[in-house]
PDB file of all heavy atoms in Angstrom:
ATOM      1  N   LYS A   1       0.871  -1.196  -0.041  1.00  0.00           N
ATOM      2  CA  LYS A   1      -0.064   0.025  -0.044  1.00  0.00           C
ATOM      3  C   LYS A   1       0.886   1.264   0.059  1.00  0.00           C
ATOM      4  O   LYS A   1       0.579   2.232  -0.699  1.00  0.00           O
ATOM      5  CB  LYS A   1      -0.872  -0.039   1.220  1.00  0.00           C
ATOM      6  CG  LYS A   1      -1.852   1.181   1.252  1.00  0.00           C
ATOM      7  CD  LYS A   1      -2.824   1.215   2.424  1.00  0.00           C
ATOM      8  CE  LYS A   1      -2.039   1.556   3.673  1.00  0.00           C
ATOM      9  NZ  LYS A   1      -3.083   1.796   4.825  1.00  0.00           N
ATOM     10  N   LEU A   2       1.891   1.287   0.822  1.00  0.00           N
ATOM     11  CA  LEU A   2       2.738   2.588   0.984  1.00  0.00           C
ATOM     12  C   LEU A   2       3.512   2.769  -0.378  1.00  0.00           C
ATOM     13  O   LEU A   2       3.774   3.923  -0.763  1.00  0.00           O
ATOM     14  CB  LEU A   2       3.699   2.351   2.055  1.00  0.00           C
ATOM     15  CG  LEU A   2       3.136   2.363   3.494  1.00  0.00           C
ATOM     16  CD1 LEU A   2       4.263   2.215   4.502  1.00  0.00           C
ATOM     17  CD2 LEU A   2       2.362   3.653   3.708  1.00  0.00           C
ATOM     18  N   ALA A   3       3.765   1.747  -1.143  1.00  0.00           N
ATOM     19  CA  ALA A   3       4.502   1.928  -2.366  1.00  0.00           C
ATOM     20  C   ALA A   3       3.581   2.148  -3.591  1.00  0.00           C
ATOM     21  O   ALA A   3       4.127   2.789  -4.577  1.00  0.00           O
ATOM     22  CB  ALA A   3       5.351   0.643  -2.679  1.00  0.00           C
ATOM     23  N   VAL A   4       2.390   1.966  -3.525  1.00  0.00           N
ATOM     24  CA  VAL A   4       1.465   2.045  -4.732  1.00  0.00           C
ATOM     25  C   VAL A   4       0.831   3.352  -4.842  1.00  0.00           C
ATOM     26  O   VAL A   4       0.418   3.756  -5.944  1.00  0.00           O
ATOM     27  CB  VAL A   4       0.376   0.909  -4.603  1.00  0.00           C
ATOM     28  CG1 VAL A   4      -0.757   1.441  -3.686  1.00  0.00           C
ATOM     29  CG2 VAL A   4      -0.210   0.625  -6.014  1.00  0.00           C
ATOM     30  N   HIS A   5       0.812   4.170  -3.777  1.00  0.00           N
ATOM     31  CA  HIS A   5       0.218   5.535  -3.895  1.00  0.00           C
ATOM     32  C   HIS A   5       1.230   6.563  -4.194  1.00  0.00           C
ATOM     33  O   HIS A   5       2.146   6.940  -3.408  1.00  0.00           O
ATOM     34  CB  HIS A   5      -0.530   5.818  -2.655  1.00  0.00           C
ATOM     35  CG  HIS A   5      -1.746   5.034  -2.307  1.00  0.00           C
ATOM     36  ND1 HIS A   5      -1.703   3.801  -1.638  1.00  0.00           N
ATOM     37  CD2 HIS A   5      -3.013   5.138  -2.652  1.00  0.00           C
ATOM     38  CE1 HIS A   5      -2.864   3.291  -1.593  1.00  0.00           C
ATOM     39  NE2 HIS A   5      -3.692   4.027  -2.237  1.00  0.00           N
ATOM     40  N   HIS A   6       1.100   7.116  -5.295  1.00  0.00           N
ATOM     41  CA  HIS A   6       2.094   8.205  -5.823  1.00  0.00           C
ATOM     42  C   HIS A   6       1.318   9.003  -6.941  1.00  0.00           C
ATOM     43  O   HIS A   6       0.138   8.962  -7.140  1.00  0.00           O
ATOM     44  CB  HIS A   6       3.379   7.565  -6.405  1.00  0.00           C
ATOM     45  CG  HIS A   6       3.176   6.279  -7.112  1.00  0.00           C
ATOM     46  ND1 HIS A   6       2.610   6.346  -8.430  1.00  0.00           N
ATOM     47  CD2 HIS A   6       3.460   5.006  -6.894  1.00  0.00           C
ATOM     48  CE1 HIS A   6       2.618   5.093  -8.966  1.00  0.00           C
ATOM     49  NE2 HIS A   6       3.068   4.325  -8.078  1.00  0.00           N
ATOM     50  N   SER A   7       2.113   9.678  -7.834  1.00  0.00           N
ATOM     51  CA  SER A   7       1.510  10.440  -8.814  1.00  0.00           C
ATOM     52  C   SER A   7       0.850   9.704  -9.925  1.00  0.00           C
ATOM     53  O   SER A   7       0.025  10.248 -10.668  1.00  0.00           O
ATOM     54  CB  SER A   7       2.562  11.510  -9.378  1.00  0.00           C
ATOM     55  OG  SER A   7       3.513  10.740  -9.890  1.00  0.00           O
ATOM     56  N   GLU A   8       1.272   8.443 -10.056  1.00  0.00           N
ATOM     57  CA  GLU A   8       0.675   7.590 -11.070  1.00  0.00           C
ATOM     58  C   GLU A   8       0.137   6.219 -10.574  1.00  0.00           C
ATOM     59  O   GLU A   8       0.327   5.235 -10.960  1.00  0.00           O
ATOM     60  CB  GLU A   8       1.760   7.315 -12.174  1.00  0.00           C
ATOM     61  CG  GLU A   8       2.259   8.515 -12.901  1.00  0.00           C
ATOM     62  CD  GLU A   8       3.258   8.247 -14.013  1.00  0.00           C
ATOM     63  OE1 GLU A   8       3.541   7.037 -14.255  1.00  0.00           O
ATOM     64  OE2 GLU A   8       3.687   9.141 -14.655  1.00  0.00           O
ATOM     65  N   THR A   9      -0.602   6.396  -9.405  1.00  0.00           N
ATOM     66  CA  THR A   9      -1.148   5.255  -8.708  1.00  0.00           C
ATOM     67  C   THR A   9      -1.985   4.424  -9.687  1.00  0.00           C
ATOM     68  O   THR A   9      -2.914   4.819 -10.349  1.00  0.00           O
ATOM     69  CB  THR A   9      -2.130   5.728  -7.592  1.00  0.00           C
ATOM     70  OG1 THR A   9      -1.329   6.639  -6.746  1.00  0.00           O
ATOM     71  CG2 THR A   9      -2.703   4.626  -6.801  1.00  0.00           C
ATOM     72  N   PRO A  10      -1.665   3.078  -9.625  1.00  0.00           N
ATOM     73  CA  PRO A  10      -2.499   2.201 -10.595  1.00  0.00           C
ATOM     74  C   PRO A  10      -3.768   1.896 -10.031  1.00  0.00           C
ATOM     75  O   PRO A  10      -4.056   2.026  -8.814  1.00  0.00           O
ATOM     76  CB  PRO A  10      -1.594   0.901 -10.518  1.00  0.00           C
ATOM     77  CG  PRO A  10      -0.850   0.992  -9.241  1.00  0.00           C
ATOM     78  CD  PRO A  10      -0.581   2.338  -9.003  1.00  0.00           C
ATOM     79  N   LEU A  11      -4.741   1.481 -10.956  1.00  0.00           N
ATOM     80  CA  LEU A  11      -6.060   1.183 -10.342  1.00  0.00           C
ATOM     81  C   LEU A  11      -5.948  -0.074  -9.368  1.00  0.00           C
ATOM     82  O   LEU A  11      -5.266  -1.024  -9.750  1.00  0.00           O
ATOM     83  CB  LEU A  11      -6.910   0.745 -11.588  1.00  0.00           C
ATOM     84  CG  LEU A  11      -8.385   0.431 -11.328  1.00  0.00           C
ATOM     85  CD1 LEU A  11      -9.135   1.648 -10.669  1.00  0.00           C
ATOM     86  CD2 LEU A  11      -9.101   0.071 -12.570  1.00  0.00           C
ATOM     87  N   HIS A  12      -6.681   0.030  -8.263  1.00  0.00           N
ATOM     88  CA  HIS A  12      -6.554  -1.053  -7.337  1.00  0.00           C
ATOM     89  C   HIS A  12      -7.919  -0.978  -6.476  1.00  0.00           C
ATOM     90  O   HIS A  12      -8.835  -0.135  -6.626  1.00  0.00           O
ATOM     91  CB  HIS A  12      -5.460  -0.899  -6.303  1.00  0.00           C
ATOM     92  CG  HIS A  12      -5.477   0.450  -5.616  1.00  0.00           C
ATOM     93  ND1 HIS A  12      -4.973   1.624  -6.111  1.00  0.00           N
ATOM     94  CD2 HIS A  12      -5.888   0.761  -4.400  1.00  0.00           C
ATOM     95  CE1 HIS A  12      -5.169   2.569  -5.263  1.00  0.00           C
ATOM     96  NE2 HIS A  12      -5.736   2.080  -4.155  1.00  0.00           N
ATOM     97  N   ARG A  13      -8.170  -2.135  -5.767  1.00  0.00           N
ATOM     98  CA  ARG A  13      -9.357  -2.311  -5.002  1.00  0.00           C
ATOM     99  C   ARG A  13      -9.322  -1.569  -3.729  1.00  0.00           C
ATOM    100  O   ARG A  13      -8.343  -1.715  -2.886  1.00  0.00           O
ATOM    101  CB  ARG A  13      -9.689  -3.799  -4.811  1.00  0.00           C
ATOM    102  CG  ARG A  13     -10.113  -4.549  -6.066  1.00  0.00           C
ATOM    103  CD  ARG A  13     -10.305  -5.985  -5.842  1.00  0.00           C
ATOM    104  NE  ARG A  13     -10.597  -6.653  -7.091  1.00  0.00           N
ATOM    105  CZ  ARG A  13     -10.452  -7.968  -7.201  1.00  0.00           C
ATOM    106  NH1 ARG A  13     -10.115  -8.771  -6.286  1.00  0.00           N
ATOM    107  NH2 ARG A  13     -10.827  -8.529  -8.406  1.00  0.00           N
ATOM    108  N   GLY A  14     -10.419  -0.970  -3.353  1.00  0.00           N
ATOM    109  CA  GLY A  14     -10.557  -0.325  -2.074  1.00  0.00           C
ATOM    110  C   GLY A  14     -12.037  -0.467  -1.657  1.00  0.00           C
ATOM    111  O   GLY A  14     -12.817  -1.296  -2.240  1.00  0.00           O
ATOM    112  N   PHE A  15     -12.359   0.291  -0.561  1.00  0.00           N
ATOM    113  CA  PHE A  15     -13.895   0.279  -0.188  1.00  0.00           C
ATOM    114  C   PHE A  15     -14.125   1.534   0.661  1.00  0.00           C
ATOM    115  O   PHE A  15     -13.109   2.188   1.200  1.00  0.00           O
ATOM    116  CB  PHE A  15     -14.143  -0.940   0.598  1.00  0.00           C
ATOM    117  CG  PHE A  15     -13.492  -1.054   1.970  1.00  0.00           C
ATOM    118  CD1 PHE A  15     -14.069  -0.346   3.115  1.00  0.00           C
ATOM    119  CD2 PHE A  15     -12.407  -1.780   2.046  1.00  0.00           C
ATOM    120  CE1 PHE A  15     -13.321  -0.382   4.316  1.00  0.00           C
ATOM    121  CE2 PHE A  15     -11.738  -1.926   3.296  1.00  0.00           C
ATOM    122  CZ  PHE A  15     -12.133  -1.213   4.331  1.00  0.00           C
ATOM    123  N   SER A  16     -15.255   1.960   0.807  1.00  0.00           N
ATOM    124  CA  SER A  16     -15.690   3.014   1.711  1.00  0.00           C
ATOM    125  C   SER A  16     -16.781   2.535   2.584  1.00  0.00           C
ATOM    126  O   SER A  16     -17.644   1.701   2.093  1.00  0.00           O
ATOM    127  CB  SER A  16     -16.106   4.321   0.958  1.00  0.00           C
ATOM    128  OG  SER A  16     -14.966   4.952   0.340  1.00  0.00           O
ATOM    129  N   CYS A  17     -16.869   2.859   3.860  1.00  0.00           N
ATOM    130  CA  CYS A  17     -17.934   2.483   4.706  1.00  0.00           C
ATOM    131  C   CYS A  17     -18.518   3.651   5.532  1.00  0.00           C
ATOM    132  O   CYS A  17     -17.737   4.518   5.887  1.00  0.00           O
ATOM    133  CB  CYS A  17     -17.397   1.370   5.622  1.00  0.00           C
ATOM    134  SG  CYS A  17     -18.723   0.803   6.883  1.00  0.00           S
ATOM    135  N   TYR A  18     -19.885   3.596   5.550  1.00  0.00           N
ATOM    136  CA  TYR A  18     -20.556   4.642   6.411  1.00  0.00           C
ATOM    137  C   TYR A  18     -21.173   3.879   7.586  1.00  0.00           C
ATOM    138  O   TYR A  18     -21.998   2.989   7.501  1.00  0.00           O
ATOM    139  CB  TYR A  18     -21.687   5.262   5.476  1.00  0.00           C
ATOM    140  CG  TYR A  18     -21.179   6.193   4.432  1.00  0.00           C
ATOM    141  CD1 TYR A  18     -20.577   5.572   3.309  1.00  0.00           C
ATOM    142  CD2 TYR A  18     -21.126   7.499   4.545  1.00  0.00           C
ATOM    143  CE1 TYR A  18     -20.049   6.381   2.342  1.00  0.00           C
ATOM    144  CE2 TYR A  18     -20.685   8.310   3.427  1.00  0.00           C
ATOM    145  CZ  TYR A  18     -20.196   7.752   2.409  1.00  0.00           C
ATOM    146  OH  TYR A  18     -19.682   8.516   1.400  1.00  0.00           O
ATOM    147  N   LEU A  19     -20.706   4.237   8.816  1.00  0.00           N
ATOM    148  CA  LEU A  19     -21.126   3.560  10.080  1.00  0.00           C
ATOM    149  C   LEU A  19     -22.287   4.369  10.694  1.00  0.00           C
ATOM    150  O   LEU A  19     -22.116   5.489  10.825  1.00  0.00           O
ATOM    151  CB  LEU A  19     -19.886   3.502  10.959  1.00  0.00           C
ATOM    152  CG  LEU A  19     -20.216   2.718  12.339  1.00  0.00           C
ATOM    153  CD1 LEU A  19     -20.447   1.232  12.112  1.00  0.00           C
ATOM    154  CD2 LEU A  19     -18.984   2.976  13.278  1.00  0.00           C
ATOM    155  N   PHE A  20     -23.249   3.594  11.071  1.00  0.00           N
ATOM    156  CA  PHE A  20     -24.504   4.233  11.725  1.00  0.00           C
ATOM    157  C   PHE A  20     -24.716   3.654  13.159  1.00  0.00           C
ATOM    158  O   PHE A  20     -24.388   2.482  13.291  1.00  0.00           O
ATOM    159  CB  PHE A  20     -25.632   4.035  10.810  1.00  0.00           C
ATOM    160  CG  PHE A  20     -25.614   4.742   9.543  1.00  0.00           C
ATOM    161  CD1 PHE A  20     -25.111   4.165   8.357  1.00  0.00           C
ATOM    162  CD2 PHE A  20     -26.119   6.084   9.363  1.00  0.00           C
ATOM    163  CE1 PHE A  20     -25.017   4.864   7.224  1.00  0.00           C
ATOM    164  CE2 PHE A  20     -26.064   6.708   8.263  1.00  0.00           C
ATOM    165  CZ  PHE A  20     -25.455   6.243   7.120  1.00  0.00           C
ATOM    166  N   ASP A  21     -25.289   4.524  14.058  1.00  0.00           N
ATOM    167  CA  ASP A  21     -25.548   3.975  15.314  1.00  0.00           C
ATOM    168  C   ASP A  21     -27.114   3.582  15.387  1.00  0.00           C
ATOM    169  O   ASP A  21     -27.732   3.568  14.404  1.00  0.00           O
ATOM    170  CB  ASP A  21     -25.220   5.061  16.357  1.00  0.00           C
ATOM    171  CG  ASP A  21     -26.067   6.307  16.360  1.00  0.00           C
ATOM    172  OD1 ASP A  21     -27.096   6.326  15.503  1.00  0.00           O
ATOM    173  OD2 ASP A  21     -25.851   7.213  17.012  1.00  0.00           O
ATOM    174  N   SER A  22     -27.513   3.275  16.621  1.00  0.00           N
ATOM    175  CA  SER A  22     -28.867   2.763  16.751  1.00  0.00           C
ATOM    176  C   SER A  22     -30.019   3.803  16.449  1.00  0.00           C
ATOM    177  O   SER A  22     -31.186   3.400  16.232  1.00  0.00           O
ATOM    178  CB  SER A  22     -29.082   2.171  18.167  1.00  0.00           C
ATOM    179  OG  SER A  22     -28.714   3.194  19.138  1.00  0.00           O
ATOM    180  N   ASP A  23     -29.522   5.053  16.420  1.00  0.00           N
ATOM    181  CA  ASP A  23     -30.536   6.150  16.041  1.00  0.00           C
ATOM    182  C   ASP A  23     -30.393   6.546  14.628  1.00  0.00           C
ATOM    183  O   ASP A  23     -30.967   7.481  14.163  1.00  0.00           O
ATOM    184  CB  ASP A  23     -30.222   7.296  16.950  1.00  0.00           C
ATOM    185  CG  ASP A  23     -30.455   7.008  18.370  1.00  0.00           C
ATOM    186  OD1 ASP A  23     -31.481   6.342  18.705  1.00  0.00           O
ATOM    187  OD2 ASP A  23     -29.746   7.546  19.244  1.00  0.00           O
ATOM    188  N   GLY A  24     -29.543   5.832  13.814  1.00  0.00           N
ATOM    189  CA  GLY A  24     -29.473   6.215  12.461  1.00  0.00           C
ATOM    190  C   GLY A  24     -28.393   7.396  12.177  1.00  0.00           C
ATOM    191  O   GLY A  24     -28.540   7.887  11.018  1.00  0.00           O
ATOM    192  N   GLN A  25     -27.631   7.686  13.156  1.00  0.00           N
ATOM    193  CA  GLN A  25     -26.651   8.717  12.916  1.00  0.00           C
ATOM    194  C   GLN A  25     -25.428   8.224  12.413  1.00  0.00           C
ATOM    195  O   GLN A  25     -24.974   7.086  12.635  1.00  0.00           O
ATOM    196  CB  GLN A  25     -26.308   9.445  14.318  1.00  0.00           C
ATOM    197  CG  GLN A  25     -27.554  10.310  14.860  1.00  0.00           C
ATOM    198  CD  GLN A  25     -27.089  11.118  15.998  1.00  0.00           C
ATOM    199  OE1 GLN A  25     -26.999  12.383  15.831  1.00  0.00           O
ATOM    200  NE2 GLN A  25     -26.677  10.582  17.092  1.00  0.00           N
ATOM    201  N   ILE A  26     -24.619   8.976  11.551  1.00  0.00           N
ATOM    202  CA  ILE A  26     -23.572   8.519  10.902  1.00  0.00           C
ATOM    203  C   ILE A  26     -22.299   8.980  11.662  1.00  0.00           C
ATOM    204  O   ILE A  26     -22.310  10.167  12.220  1.00  0.00           O
ATOM    205  CB  ILE A  26     -23.375   9.049   9.364  1.00  0.00           C
ATOM    206  CG1 ILE A  26     -22.120   8.596   8.823  1.00  0.00           C
ATOM    207  CG2 ILE A  26     -23.592  10.518   9.437  1.00  0.00           C
ATOM    208  CD1 ILE A  26     -21.989   8.940   7.350  1.00  0.00           C
ATOM    209  N   LEU A  27     -21.246   8.132  11.672  1.00  0.00           N
ATOM    210  CA  LEU A  27     -20.003   8.660  12.303  1.00  0.00           C
ATOM    211  C   LEU A  27     -19.180   9.195  11.153  1.00  0.00           C
ATOM    212  O   LEU A  27     -18.752   8.490  10.296  1.00  0.00           O
ATOM    213  CB  LEU A  27     -19.307   7.378  12.953  1.00  0.00           C
ATOM    214  CG  LEU A  27     -17.968   7.752  13.787  1.00  0.00           C
ATOM    215  CD1 LEU A  27     -18.279   8.738  14.920  1.00  0.00           C
ATOM    216  CD2 LEU A  27     -17.260   6.544  14.223  1.00  0.00           C
ATOM    217  N   VAL A  28     -18.893  10.565  11.252  1.00  0.00           N
ATOM    218  CA  VAL A  28     -18.027  11.201  10.380  1.00  0.00           C
ATOM    219  C   VAL A  28     -16.696  11.306  10.921  1.00  0.00           C
ATOM    220  O   VAL A  28     -16.524  11.647  12.106  1.00  0.00           O
ATOM    221  CB  VAL A  28     -18.584  12.670  10.016  1.00  0.00           C
ATOM    222  CG1 VAL A  28     -17.806  13.276   8.960  1.00  0.00           C
ATOM    223  CG2 VAL A  28     -20.074  12.511   9.631  1.00  0.00           C
ATOM    224  N   THR A  29     -15.602  11.083  10.075  1.00  0.00           N
ATOM    225  CA  THR A  29     -14.248  10.994  10.655  1.00  0.00           C
ATOM    226  C   THR A  29     -13.454  12.086   9.944  1.00  0.00           C
ATOM    227  O   THR A  29     -13.507  12.302   8.770  1.00  0.00           O
ATOM    228  CB  THR A  29     -13.650   9.691  10.549  1.00  0.00           C
ATOM    229  OG1 THR A  29     -13.535   9.256   9.214  1.00  0.00           O
ATOM    230  CG2 THR A  29     -14.361   8.634  11.436  1.00  0.00           C
ATOM    231  N   GLN A  30     -12.313  12.572  10.621  1.00  0.00           N
ATOM    232  CA  GLN A  30     -11.297  13.373  10.071  1.00  0.00           C
ATOM    233  C   GLN A  30     -10.038  12.514   9.928  1.00  0.00           C
ATOM    234  O   GLN A  30      -9.529  12.074  10.929  1.00  0.00           O
ATOM    235  CB  GLN A  30     -11.054  14.618  10.882  1.00  0.00           C
ATOM    236  CG  GLN A  30      -9.997  15.581  10.150  1.00  0.00           C
ATOM    237  CD  GLN A  30      -9.663  16.690  11.059  1.00  0.00           C
ATOM    238  OE1 GLN A  30      -9.740  16.614  12.330  1.00  0.00           O
ATOM    239  NE2 GLN A  30      -9.250  17.819  10.541  1.00  0.00           N
ATOM    240  N   ARG A  31      -9.586  12.435   8.661  1.00  0.00           N
ATOM    241  CA  ARG A  31      -8.309  11.574   8.413  1.00  0.00           C
ATOM    242  C   ARG A  31      -7.172  12.181   9.100  1.00  0.00           C
ATOM    243  O   ARG A  31      -7.073  13.392   9.127  1.00  0.00           O
ATOM    244  CB  ARG A  31      -8.233  11.414   6.917  1.00  0.00           C
ATOM    245  CG  ARG A  31      -9.344  10.640   6.266  1.00  0.00           C
ATOM    246  CD  ARG A  31      -9.214  10.839   4.657  1.00  0.00           C
ATOM    247  NE  ARG A  31      -7.948  10.320   4.106  1.00  0.00           N
ATOM    248  CZ  ARG A  31      -7.685   9.123   3.876  1.00  0.00           C
ATOM    249  NH1 ARG A  31      -8.624   8.219   4.044  1.00  0.00           N
ATOM    250  NH2 ARG A  31      -6.601   8.697   3.268  1.00  0.00           N
ATOM    251  N   SER A  32      -6.371  11.274   9.584  1.00  0.00           N
ATOM    252  CA  SER A  32      -5.189  11.739  10.337  1.00  0.00           C
ATOM    253  C   SER A  32      -4.351  12.634   9.496  1.00  0.00           C
ATOM    254  O   SER A  32      -4.205  12.459   8.187  1.00  0.00           O
ATOM    255  CB  SER A  32      -4.292  10.586  10.665  1.00  0.00           C
ATOM    256  OG  SER A  32      -2.989  11.031  11.218  1.00  0.00           O
ATOM    257  N   SER A  33      -3.739  13.666  10.040  1.00  0.00           N
ATOM    258  CA  SER A  33      -2.909  14.607   9.343  1.00  0.00           C
ATOM    259  C   SER A  33      -1.590  14.042   8.902  1.00  0.00           C
ATOM    260  O   SER A  33      -0.798  14.483   8.100  1.00  0.00           O
ATOM    261  CB  SER A  33      -2.687  15.898  10.217  1.00  0.00           C
ATOM    262  OG  SER A  33      -2.097  15.471  11.526  1.00  0.00           O
ATOM    263  N   ASN A  34      -1.381  12.729   9.486  1.00  0.00           N
ATOM    264  CA  ASN A  34      -0.081  11.974   9.147  1.00  0.00           C
ATOM    265  C   ASN A  34      -0.314  11.040   7.963  1.00  0.00           C
ATOM    266  O   ASN A  34       0.595  10.408   7.472  1.00  0.00           O
ATOM    267  CB  ASN A  34       0.337  11.205  10.337  1.00  0.00           C
ATOM    268  CG  ASN A  34       0.924  12.088  11.373  1.00  0.00           C
ATOM    269  OD1 ASN A  34       1.492  13.138  11.197  1.00  0.00           O
ATOM    270  ND2 ASN A  34       0.497  11.749  12.680  1.00  0.00           N
ATOM    271  N   LYS A  35      -1.529  10.959   7.426  1.00  0.00           N
ATOM    272  CA  LYS A  35      -1.863  10.075   6.289  1.00  0.00           C
ATOM    273  C   LYS A  35      -1.148  10.612   5.038  1.00  0.00           C
ATOM    274  O   LYS A  35      -1.011  11.786   4.776  1.00  0.00           O
ATOM    275  CB  LYS A  35      -3.387   9.921   6.065  1.00  0.00           C
ATOM    276  CG  LYS A  35      -4.060   8.856   6.903  1.00  0.00           C
ATOM    277  CD  LYS A  35      -5.476   8.727   6.454  1.00  0.00           C
ATOM    278  CE  LYS A  35      -6.097   7.557   7.361  1.00  0.00           C
ATOM    279  NZ  LYS A  35      -5.654   6.210   6.938  1.00  0.00           N
ATOM    280  N   ARG A  36      -0.695   9.604   4.216  1.00  0.00           N
ATOM    281  CA  ARG A  36      -0.038   9.961   2.930  1.00  0.00           C
ATOM    282  C   ARG A  36      -1.070  10.502   1.935  1.00  0.00           C
ATOM    283  O   ARG A  36      -0.721  11.500   1.201  1.00  0.00           O
ATOM    284  CB  ARG A  36       0.780   8.775   2.330  1.00  0.00           C
ATOM    285  CG  ARG A  36       1.326   8.954   1.055  1.00  0.00           C
ATOM    286  CD  ARG A  36       2.138   7.706   0.666  1.00  0.00           C
ATOM    287  NE  ARG A  36       2.703   7.831  -0.725  1.00  0.00           N
ATOM    288  CZ  ARG A  36       3.807   8.530  -1.122  1.00  0.00           C
ATOM    289  NH1 ARG A  36       4.502   9.063  -0.087  1.00  0.00           N
ATOM    290  NH2 ARG A  36       4.206   8.506  -2.309  1.00  0.00           N
ATOM    291  N   THR A  37      -2.223   9.900   1.951  1.00  0.00           N
ATOM    292  CA  THR A  37      -3.297  10.388   0.969  1.00  0.00           C
ATOM    293  C   THR A  37      -4.355  11.176   1.720  1.00  0.00           C
ATOM    294  O   THR A  37      -4.909  10.714   2.786  1.00  0.00           O
ATOM    295  CB  THR A  37      -3.952   9.171   0.301  1.00  0.00           C
ATOM    296  OG1 THR A  37      -4.489   8.251   1.298  1.00  0.00           O
ATOM    297  CG2 THR A  37      -2.877   8.495  -0.541  1.00  0.00           C
ATOM    298  N   PHE A  38      -4.574  12.357   1.244  1.00  0.00           N
ATOM    299  CA  PHE A  38      -5.739  13.255   1.816  1.00  0.00           C
ATOM    300  C   PHE A  38      -5.668  13.398   3.239  1.00  0.00           C
ATOM    301  O   PHE A  38      -6.661  13.116   3.943  1.00  0.00           O
ATOM    302  CB  PHE A  38      -7.081  12.623   1.329  1.00  0.00           C
ATOM    303  CG  PHE A  38      -7.294  12.856  -0.097  1.00  0.00           C
ATOM    304  CD1 PHE A  38      -6.825  11.766  -1.043  1.00  0.00           C
ATOM    305  CD2 PHE A  38      -7.911  13.924  -0.778  1.00  0.00           C
ATOM    306  CE1 PHE A  38      -6.966  11.918  -2.429  1.00  0.00           C
ATOM    307  CE2 PHE A  38      -8.117  14.005  -2.160  1.00  0.00           C
ATOM    308  CZ  PHE A  38      -7.620  13.091  -3.015  1.00  0.00           C
ATOM    309  N   PRO A  39      -4.474  13.811   3.753  1.00  0.00           N
ATOM    310  CA  PRO A  39      -4.432  14.036   5.322  1.00  0.00           C
ATOM    311  C   PRO A  39      -5.294  15.284   5.714  1.00  0.00           C
ATOM    312  O   PRO A  39      -5.461  16.209   5.014  1.00  0.00           O
ATOM    313  CB  PRO A  39      -2.959  14.447   5.399  1.00  0.00           C
ATOM    314  CG  PRO A  39      -2.464  15.013   4.125  1.00  0.00           C
ATOM    315  CD  PRO A  39      -3.276  14.253   3.131  1.00  0.00           C
ATOM    316  N   GLY A  40      -5.935  15.031   6.927  1.00  0.00           N
ATOM    317  CA  GLY A  40      -6.631  16.143   7.534  1.00  0.00           C
ATOM    318  C   GLY A  40      -8.037  16.381   7.067  1.00  0.00           C
ATOM    319  O   GLY A  40      -8.774  17.256   7.520  1.00  0.00           O
ATOM    320  N   VAL A  41      -8.469  15.566   6.017  1.00  0.00           N
ATOM    321  CA  VAL A  41      -9.672  15.792   5.426  1.00  0.00           C
ATOM    322  C   VAL A  41     -10.826  15.041   6.080  1.00  0.00           C
ATOM    323  O   VAL A  41     -10.673  13.832   6.601  1.00  0.00           O
ATOM    324  CB  VAL A  41      -9.700  15.315   3.788  1.00  0.00           C
ATOM    325  CG1 VAL A  41     -11.021  15.338   3.295  1.00  0.00           C
ATOM    326  CG2 VAL A  41      -8.723  16.071   3.142  1.00  0.00           C
TER     327      VAL A  41
END
């Protein structure tokens, strides 16, 4: 993973997940500022 993300990242498999609680609320997260891709977003 660390080697594949750069200016010419090849197509690869990922996923996204939206987590909900018992009241139907979503948990929104802020990505770590130390992440290589999209930090702090």
